[in-house]
Amino acid sequence: MKNTPCYYGVIKSMIALTEYKRRFRGSKKLEDTLNQGLEYILKHKLFKKLSSDQPIEDSIILNFYPYTYKSNIIEILSLLKANDLIEDERCIDALAVLMKKQRSDGYWQADTSYMKSAWIDFDIPKKPGLWISYIIKGLTSN
């Protein structure tokens, strides 16, 4: 990775490497690259700028699915869970952001929708989101 890689590019690349590792036997180089990328994400506490406590981009803390070229903390936490790292203390802030967004009815909702002209929404923004809630519950349960 370069000194300042595209953060979304790192996330999407680590998702691809994780899936490759899951399906095929990985090499030492693959493991090293995956570990390096995951550590980079954890160093950012998943969604924060290194220079401040602020989100890398406002949309990274929005709930949406499907994931576009952008990413959000739901996708990032799913990546960390797939690599048995969701218990890492650097995930706490991202999990807290999600928990704050839980509605009084127990569901989460989509905050926005991307690529409306190309994709169908899995959950209608501002309504109880069955899909997003299912994913988040999978992240927060053992």
N, C-alpha and C. Protein backbone atom coordinates (compact mmCIF):
# COMPACT_ATOMS: atom_id res chain seq x y z
N MET A 1 0.83 -1.18 0.00
CA MET A 1 0.00 0.00 0.00
C MET A 1 0.88 1.24 0.00
N LYS A 2 0.39 2.26 -0.64
CA LYS A 2 1.10 3.53 -0.63
C LYS A 2 0.95 4.19 0.73
N ASN A 3 1.68 5.29 0.95
CA ASN A 3 1.62 5.98 2.24
C ASN A 3 0.21 6.42 2.61
N THR A 4 -0.54 6.91 1.64
CA THR A 4 -1.92 7.32 1.87
C THR A 4 -2.82 6.65 0.84
N PRO A 5 -3.19 5.41 1.08
CA PRO A 5 -4.04 4.71 0.11
C PRO A 5 -5.49 5.20 0.19
N CYS A 6 -6.26 4.92 -0.84
CA CYS A 6 -7.69 5.19 -0.82
C CYS A 6 -8.29 4.29 0.25
N TYR A 7 -8.93 4.89 1.24
CA TYR A 7 -9.43 4.10 2.37
C TYR A 7 -10.47 3.08 1.91
N TYR A 8 -11.39 3.50 1.05
CA TYR A 8 -12.38 2.56 0.54
C TYR A 8 -11.72 1.46 -0.28
N GLY A 9 -10.68 1.80 -0.99
CA GLY A 9 -9.95 0.79 -1.75
C GLY A 9 -9.32 -0.26 -0.86
N VAL A 10 -8.80 0.17 0.29
CA VAL A 10 -8.22 -0.77 1.26
C VAL A 10 -9.32 -1.71 1.76
N ILE A 11 -10.45 -1.15 2.13
CA ILE A 11 -11.56 -1.97 2.65
C ILE A 11 -12.01 -2.99 1.61
N LYS A 12 -12.28 -2.53 0.40
CA LYS A 12 -12.76 -3.44 -0.65
C LYS A 12 -11.71 -4.50 -0.97
N SER A 13 -10.44 -4.12 -0.97
CA SER A 13 -9.36 -5.09 -1.23
C SER A 13 -9.27 -6.13 -0.12
N MET A 14 -9.44 -5.70 1.12
CA MET A 14 -9.37 -6.66 2.24
C MET A 14 -10.57 -7.60 2.23
N ILE A 15 -11.71 -7.11 1.78
CA ILE A 15 -12.89 -7.98 1.62
C ILE A 15 -12.60 -9.04 0.57
N ALA A 16 -12.00 -8.63 -0.55
CA ALA A 16 -11.67 -9.59 -1.61
C ALA A 16 -10.64 -10.61 -1.13
N LEU A 17 -9.61 -10.15 -0.43
CA LEU A 17 -8.59 -11.07 0.09
C LEU A 17 -9.18 -12.03 1.13
N THR A 18 -10.08 -11.53 1.95
CA THR A 18 -10.73 -12.37 2.95
C THR A 18 -11.54 -13.48 2.28
N GLU A 19 -12.26 -13.12 1.25
CA GLU A 19 -13.06 -14.12 0.53
C GLU A 19 -12.16 -15.12 -0.19
N TYR A 20 -11.08 -14.63 -0.78
CA TYR A 20 -10.14 -15.53 -1.45
C TYR A 20 -9.56 -16.52 -0.43
N LYS A 21 -9.16 -16.01 0.72
CA LYS A 21 -8.59 -16.85 1.77
C LYS A 21 -9.60 -17.90 2.24
N ARG A 22 -10.86 -17.49 2.34
CA ARG A 22 -11.91 -18.40 2.78
C ARG A 22 -12.14 -19.54 1.78
N ARG A 23 -12.03 -19.23 0.51
CA ARG A 23 -12.33 -20.22 -0.52
C ARG A 23 -11.13 -21.06 -0.95
N PHE A 24 -9.96 -20.48 -0.89
CA PHE A 24 -8.76 -21.15 -1.39
C PHE A 24 -7.68 -21.10 -0.32
N ARG A 25 -6.70 -21.88 -0.50
CA ARG A 25 -5.57 -21.84 0.43
C ARG A 25 -4.74 -20.58 0.14
N GLY A 26 -4.52 -19.82 1.18
CA GLY A 26 -3.78 -18.58 1.02
C GLY A 26 -2.29 -18.79 1.20
N SER A 27 -1.52 -17.90 0.66
CA SER A 27 -0.07 -17.95 0.79
C SER A 27 0.35 -17.04 1.95
N LYS A 28 1.62 -17.12 2.30
CA LYS A 28 2.16 -16.23 3.34
C LYS A 28 2.03 -14.78 2.90
N LYS A 29 2.27 -14.52 1.63
CA LYS A 29 2.16 -13.15 1.12
C LYS A 29 0.73 -12.64 1.24
N LEU A 30 -0.24 -13.49 0.93
CA LEU A 30 -1.64 -13.10 1.06
C LEU A 30 -1.96 -12.79 2.52
N GLU A 31 -1.54 -13.67 3.42
CA GLU A 31 -1.76 -13.46 4.86
C GLU A 31 -1.13 -12.16 5.34
N ASP A 32 0.10 -11.92 4.91
CA ASP A 32 0.79 -10.70 5.32
C ASP A 32 0.07 -9.45 4.81
N THR A 33 -0.36 -9.49 3.55
CA THR A 33 -1.05 -8.34 2.96
C THR A 33 -2.38 -8.12 3.65
N LEU A 34 -3.12 -9.20 3.90
CA LEU A 34 -4.40 -9.10 4.60
C LEU A 34 -4.20 -8.55 6.00
N ASN A 35 -3.25 -9.05 6.73
CA ASN A 35 -2.97 -8.56 8.08
C ASN A 35 -2.56 -7.10 8.09
N GLN A 36 -1.76 -6.70 7.10
CA GLN A 36 -1.34 -5.31 6.99
C GLN A 36 -2.55 -4.40 6.74
N GLY A 37 -3.42 -4.81 5.84
CA GLY A 37 -4.62 -4.01 5.54
C GLY A 37 -5.57 -3.94 6.71
N LEU A 38 -5.79 -5.07 7.38
CA LEU A 38 -6.68 -5.08 8.54
C LEU A 38 -6.14 -4.22 9.67
N GLU A 39 -4.84 -4.26 9.87
CA GLU A 39 -4.22 -3.41 10.90
C GLU A 39 -4.38 -1.94 10.54
N TYR A 40 -4.27 -1.61 9.27
CA TYR A 40 -4.47 -0.22 8.82
C TYR A 40 -5.89 0.24 9.15
N ILE A 41 -6.87 -0.62 8.90
CA ILE A 41 -8.27 -0.30 9.21
C ILE A 41 -8.47 -0.15 10.71
N LEU A 42 -7.91 -1.06 11.48
CA LEU A 42 -8.02 -0.99 12.94
C LEU A 42 -7.33 0.26 13.49
N LYS A 43 -6.24 0.64 12.88
CA LYS A 43 -5.51 1.84 13.30
C LYS A 43 -6.41 3.08 13.19
N HIS A 44 -7.33 3.04 12.24
CA HIS A 44 -8.30 4.13 12.04
C HIS A 44 -9.54 3.97 12.92
N LYS A 45 -9.50 2.98 13.82
CA LYS A 45 -10.69 2.63 14.61
C LYS A 45 -11.89 2.43 13.69
N LEU A 46 -11.58 1.92 12.51
CA LEU A 46 -12.50 1.53 11.46
C LEU A 46 -13.04 2.67 10.61
N PHE A 47 -13.28 3.83 11.19
CA PHE A 47 -13.94 4.88 10.43
C PHE A 47 -13.42 6.29 10.68
N LYS A 48 -12.38 6.43 11.47
CA LYS A 48 -11.93 7.76 11.88
C LYS A 48 -10.65 8.19 11.17
N LYS A 49 -10.52 9.50 11.01
CA LYS A 49 -9.28 10.06 10.51
C LYS A 49 -8.20 9.83 11.56
N LEU A 50 -6.98 9.65 11.12
CA LEU A 50 -5.88 9.48 12.08
C LEU A 50 -5.57 10.79 12.80
N SER A 51 -5.87 11.91 12.15
CA SER A 51 -5.53 13.21 12.72
C SER A 51 -6.58 13.76 13.69
N SER A 52 -7.75 13.12 13.73
CA SER A 52 -8.81 13.60 14.62
C SER A 52 -9.76 12.45 14.93
N ASP A 53 -10.74 12.75 15.74
CA ASP A 53 -11.74 11.76 16.11
C ASP A 53 -12.92 11.78 15.13
N GLN A 54 -12.78 12.50 14.04
CA GLN A 54 -13.86 12.67 13.06
C GLN A 54 -13.91 11.52 12.06
N PRO A 55 -15.11 11.24 11.52
CA PRO A 55 -15.22 10.22 10.47
C PRO A 55 -14.38 10.59 9.24
N ILE A 56 -13.83 9.58 8.60
CA ILE A 56 -13.05 9.80 7.38
C ILE A 56 -13.89 10.54 6.34
N GLU A 57 -15.16 10.18 6.29
CA GLU A 57 -16.13 10.81 5.40
C GLU A 57 -17.49 10.67 6.08
N ASP A 58 -18.37 11.63 5.90
CA ASP A 58 -19.66 11.58 6.59
C ASP A 58 -20.45 10.31 6.28
N SER A 59 -20.38 9.84 5.05
CA SER A 59 -21.18 8.68 4.65
C SER A 59 -20.72 7.37 5.29
N ILE A 60 -19.52 7.34 5.85
CA ILE A 60 -19.00 6.10 6.42
C ILE A 60 -19.77 5.68 7.67
N ILE A 61 -20.50 6.62 8.30
CA ILE A 61 -21.29 6.26 9.48
C ILE A 61 -22.78 6.18 9.16
N LEU A 62 -23.13 6.27 7.88
CA LEU A 62 -24.53 6.11 7.48
C LEU A 62 -24.84 4.64 7.26
N ASN A 63 -26.04 4.24 7.61
CA ASN A 63 -26.48 2.87 7.34
C ASN A 63 -27.04 2.82 5.92
N PHE A 64 -26.48 1.95 5.11
CA PHE A 64 -27.01 1.70 3.78
C PHE A 64 -26.59 0.30 3.32
N TYR A 65 -27.42 -0.26 2.48
CA TYR A 65 -27.13 -1.55 1.86
C TYR A 65 -27.97 -1.61 0.59
N PRO A 66 -27.48 -2.05 -0.52
CA PRO A 66 -26.17 -2.66 -0.71
C PRO A 66 -25.06 -1.63 -0.68
N TYR A 67 -23.85 -2.15 -0.45
CA TYR A 67 -22.66 -1.29 -0.41
C TYR A 67 -22.25 -0.97 -1.84
N THR A 68 -21.95 0.28 -2.06
CA THR A 68 -21.52 0.73 -3.38
C THR A 68 -19.99 0.77 -3.39
N TYR A 69 -19.43 1.66 -4.17
CA TYR A 69 -17.99 1.90 -4.13
C TYR A 69 -17.61 2.49 -2.78
N LYS A 70 -18.59 3.04 -2.10
CA LYS A 70 -18.36 3.55 -0.74
C LYS A 70 -18.49 2.38 0.23
N SER A 71 -18.17 2.63 1.45
CA SER A 71 -18.31 1.63 2.48
C SER A 71 -18.90 2.30 3.70
N ASN A 72 -19.29 1.51 4.68
CA ASN A 72 -19.78 2.06 5.93
C ASN A 72 -19.35 1.14 7.07
N ILE A 73 -19.66 1.56 8.29
CA ILE A 73 -19.18 0.77 9.42
C ILE A 73 -19.80 -0.62 9.48
N ILE A 74 -20.97 -0.80 8.89
CA ILE A 74 -21.58 -2.13 8.85
C ILE A 74 -20.71 -3.06 8.01
N GLU A 75 -20.31 -2.62 6.85
CA GLU A 75 -19.46 -3.44 5.98
C GLU A 75 -18.09 -3.66 6.60
N ILE A 76 -17.54 -2.63 7.22
CA ILE A 76 -16.21 -2.74 7.83
C ILE A 76 -16.25 -3.71 9.01
N LEU A 77 -17.27 -3.60 9.85
CA LEU A 77 -17.39 -4.53 10.97
C LEU A 77 -17.62 -5.96 10.48
N SER A 78 -18.34 -6.12 9.38
CA SER A 78 -18.52 -7.46 8.80
C SER A 78 -17.18 -8.04 8.37
N LEU A 79 -16.33 -7.21 7.79
CA LEU A 79 -14.99 -7.62 7.40
C LEU A 79 -14.18 -8.06 8.62
N LEU A 80 -14.23 -7.25 9.67
CA LEU A 80 -13.47 -7.59 10.88
C LEU A 80 -14.00 -8.86 11.54
N LYS A 81 -15.31 -9.04 11.53
CA LYS A 81 -15.89 -10.26 12.09
C LYS A 81 -15.44 -11.48 11.28
N ALA A 82 -15.41 -11.36 9.97
CA ALA A 82 -14.97 -12.47 9.11
C ALA A 82 -13.53 -12.86 9.38
N ASN A 83 -12.76 -11.94 9.94
CA ASN A 83 -11.36 -12.20 10.27
C ASN A 83 -11.13 -12.36 11.77
N ASP A 84 -12.20 -12.62 12.50
CA ASP A 84 -12.14 -12.84 13.95
C ASP A 84 -11.49 -11.69 14.71
N LEU A 85 -11.78 -10.47 14.27
CA LEU A 85 -11.19 -9.29 14.92
C LEU A 85 -12.24 -8.36 15.53
N ILE A 86 -13.49 -8.74 15.52
CA ILE A 86 -14.54 -7.83 15.99
C ILE A 86 -14.44 -7.57 17.50
N GLU A 87 -13.74 -8.44 18.21
CA GLU A 87 -13.54 -8.24 19.65
C GLU A 87 -12.39 -7.28 19.95
N ASP A 88 -11.66 -6.86 18.92
CA ASP A 88 -10.56 -5.92 19.11
C ASP A 88 -11.12 -4.61 19.68
N GLU A 89 -10.46 -4.06 20.67
CA GLU A 89 -10.95 -2.84 21.34
C GLU A 89 -11.11 -1.66 20.38
N ARG A 90 -10.41 -1.69 19.26
CA ARG A 90 -10.51 -0.59 18.30
C ARG A 90 -11.82 -0.62 17.50
N CYS A 91 -12.63 -1.65 17.70
CA CYS A 91 -13.96 -1.75 17.08
C CYS A 91 -15.04 -1.12 17.94
N ILE A 92 -14.73 -0.81 19.18
CA ILE A 92 -15.74 -0.36 20.15
C ILE A 92 -16.47 0.90 19.68
N ASP A 93 -15.73 1.87 19.15
CA ASP A 93 -16.38 3.12 18.73
C ASP A 93 -17.35 2.89 17.59
N ALA A 94 -16.99 2.04 16.63
CA ALA A 94 -17.87 1.75 15.50
C ALA A 94 -19.12 1.01 15.97
N LEU A 95 -18.95 0.06 16.88
CA LEU A 95 -20.10 -0.65 17.43
C LEU A 95 -21.01 0.31 18.20
N ALA A 96 -20.42 1.25 18.90
CA ALA A 96 -21.21 2.23 19.66
C ALA A 96 -22.03 3.11 18.72
N VAL A 97 -21.45 3.50 17.60
CA VAL A 97 -22.20 4.29 16.62
C VAL A 97 -23.42 3.51 16.15
N LEU A 98 -23.23 2.23 15.86
CA LEU A 98 -24.36 1.41 15.43
C LEU A 98 -25.41 1.28 16.52
N MET A 99 -24.98 1.03 17.73
CA MET A 99 -25.94 0.82 18.82
C MET A 99 -26.76 2.09 19.10
N LYS A 100 -26.15 3.25 18.93
CA LYS A 100 -26.87 4.51 19.11
C LYS A 100 -27.97 4.68 18.06
N LYS A 101 -27.79 4.05 16.92
CA LYS A 101 -28.75 4.20 15.83
C LYS A 101 -29.91 3.20 15.90
N GLN A 102 -29.86 2.32 16.88
CA GLN A 102 -30.97 1.37 17.00
C GLN A 102 -32.23 2.11 17.39
N ARG A 103 -33.30 1.80 16.70
CA ARG A 103 -34.59 2.46 16.94
C ARG A 103 -35.25 1.90 18.19
N SER A 104 -36.23 2.60 18.70
CA SER A 104 -36.94 2.14 19.89
C SER A 104 -37.71 0.83 19.64
N ASP A 105 -38.01 0.53 18.37
CA ASP A 105 -38.71 -0.72 18.05
C ASP A 105 -37.74 -1.90 17.89
N GLY A 106 -36.44 -1.65 18.14
CA GLY A 106 -35.44 -2.72 18.07
C GLY A 106 -34.77 -2.87 16.72
N TYR A 107 -35.25 -2.17 15.71
CA TYR A 107 -34.67 -2.25 14.37
C TYR A 107 -33.68 -1.11 14.14
N TRP A 108 -32.91 -1.27 13.10
CA TRP A 108 -32.11 -0.19 12.55
C TRP A 108 -32.76 0.19 11.24
N GLN A 109 -32.36 1.30 10.69
CA GLN A 109 -32.93 1.74 9.42
C GLN A 109 -31.84 2.16 8.47
N ALA A 110 -32.17 2.14 7.20
CA ALA A 110 -31.27 2.70 6.19
C ALA A 110 -31.35 4.21 6.32
N ASP A 111 -30.19 4.85 6.38
CA ASP A 111 -30.15 6.31 6.45
C ASP A 111 -30.23 6.94 5.08
N THR A 112 -29.77 6.20 4.08
CA THR A 112 -29.72 6.73 2.73
C THR A 112 -29.72 5.58 1.74
N SER A 113 -29.78 5.93 0.48
CA SER A 113 -29.73 4.94 -0.59
C SER A 113 -28.83 5.48 -1.68
N TYR A 114 -27.97 4.63 -2.20
CA TYR A 114 -27.08 5.04 -3.27
C TYR A 114 -27.44 4.29 -4.55
N MET A 115 -27.09 4.86 -5.66
CA MET A 115 -27.28 4.25 -6.98
C MET A 115 -28.74 3.85 -7.21
N LYS A 116 -29.65 4.76 -6.88
CA LYS A 116 -31.08 4.49 -6.99
C LYS A 116 -31.50 4.13 -8.41
N SER A 117 -30.80 4.65 -9.40
CA SER A 117 -31.18 4.37 -10.78
C SER A 117 -30.73 2.98 -11.22
N ALA A 118 -29.83 2.36 -10.47
CA ALA A 118 -29.30 1.05 -10.88
C ALA A 118 -29.70 -0.08 -9.94
N TRP A 119 -29.91 0.22 -8.66
CA TRP A 119 -30.17 -0.83 -7.68
C TRP A 119 -31.50 -0.60 -6.99
N ILE A 120 -32.06 -1.68 -6.50
CA ILE A 120 -33.29 -1.62 -5.72
C ILE A 120 -32.89 -1.57 -4.24
N ASP A 121 -33.57 -0.73 -3.48
CA ASP A 121 -33.29 -0.65 -2.04
C ASP A 121 -33.68 -1.95 -1.35
N PHE A 122 -32.82 -2.45 -0.50
CA PHE A 122 -33.15 -3.61 0.32
C PHE A 122 -34.04 -3.16 1.48
N ASP A 123 -33.77 -1.97 1.99
CA ASP A 123 -34.58 -1.37 3.05
C ASP A 123 -34.91 0.06 2.63
N ILE A 124 -36.13 0.46 2.88
CA ILE A 124 -36.55 1.82 2.54
C ILE A 124 -36.01 2.76 3.61
N PRO A 125 -35.29 3.80 3.20
CA PRO A 125 -34.74 4.74 4.20
C PRO A 125 -35.82 5.27 5.15
N LYS A 126 -35.42 5.40 6.40
CA LYS A 126 -36.24 5.95 7.49
C LYS A 126 -37.35 5.01 7.97
N LYS A 127 -37.40 3.80 7.45
CA LYS A 127 -38.38 2.79 7.90
C LYS A 127 -37.62 1.67 8.61
N PRO A 128 -38.30 0.84 9.43
CA PRO A 128 -37.58 -0.28 10.04
C PRO A 128 -36.92 -1.14 8.96
N GLY A 129 -35.64 -1.33 9.08
CA GLY A 129 -34.88 -2.04 8.05
C GLY A 129 -34.63 -3.49 8.42
N LEU A 130 -35.33 -4.40 7.81
CA LEU A 130 -35.17 -5.82 8.12
C LEU A 130 -33.79 -6.33 7.71
N TRP A 131 -33.33 -5.92 6.55
CA TRP A 131 -32.04 -6.41 6.04
C TRP A 131 -30.89 -5.86 6.89
N ILE A 132 -30.87 -4.56 7.06
CA ILE A 132 -29.80 -3.93 7.84
C ILE A 132 -29.82 -4.44 9.28
N SER A 133 -30.99 -4.59 9.85
CA SER A 133 -31.09 -5.09 11.23
C SER A 133 -30.55 -6.52 11.32
N TYR A 134 -30.85 -7.34 10.33
CA TYR A 134 -30.34 -8.72 10.31
C TYR A 134 -28.81 -8.73 10.30
N ILE A 135 -28.21 -7.89 9.46
CA ILE A 135 -26.74 -7.83 9.37
C ILE A 135 -26.16 -7.35 10.70
N ILE A 136 -26.70 -6.28 11.25
CA ILE A 136 -26.16 -5.71 12.49
C ILE A 136 -26.32 -6.70 13.65
N LYS A 137 -27.46 -7.35 13.74
CA LYS A 137 -27.65 -8.34 14.81
C LYS A 137 -26.63 -9.47 14.69
N GLY A 138 -26.26 -9.84 13.48
CA GLY A 138 -25.24 -10.84 13.27
C GLY A 138 -23.86 -10.39 13.73
N LEU A 139 -23.63 -9.11 13.67
CA LEU A 139 -22.35 -8.54 14.12
C LEU A 139 -22.28 -8.46 15.63
N THR A 140 -23.40 -8.18 16.26
CA THR A 140 -23.39 -7.92 17.70
C THR A 140 -23.71 -9.15 18.54
N SER A 141 -24.04 -10.26 17.89
CA SER A 141 -24.29 -11.49 18.66
C SER A 141 -23.09 -12.41 18.54
N ASN A 142 -22.93 -13.28 19.51
CA ASN A 142 -21.82 -14.22 19.48
C ASN A 142 -22.19 -15.40 18.70
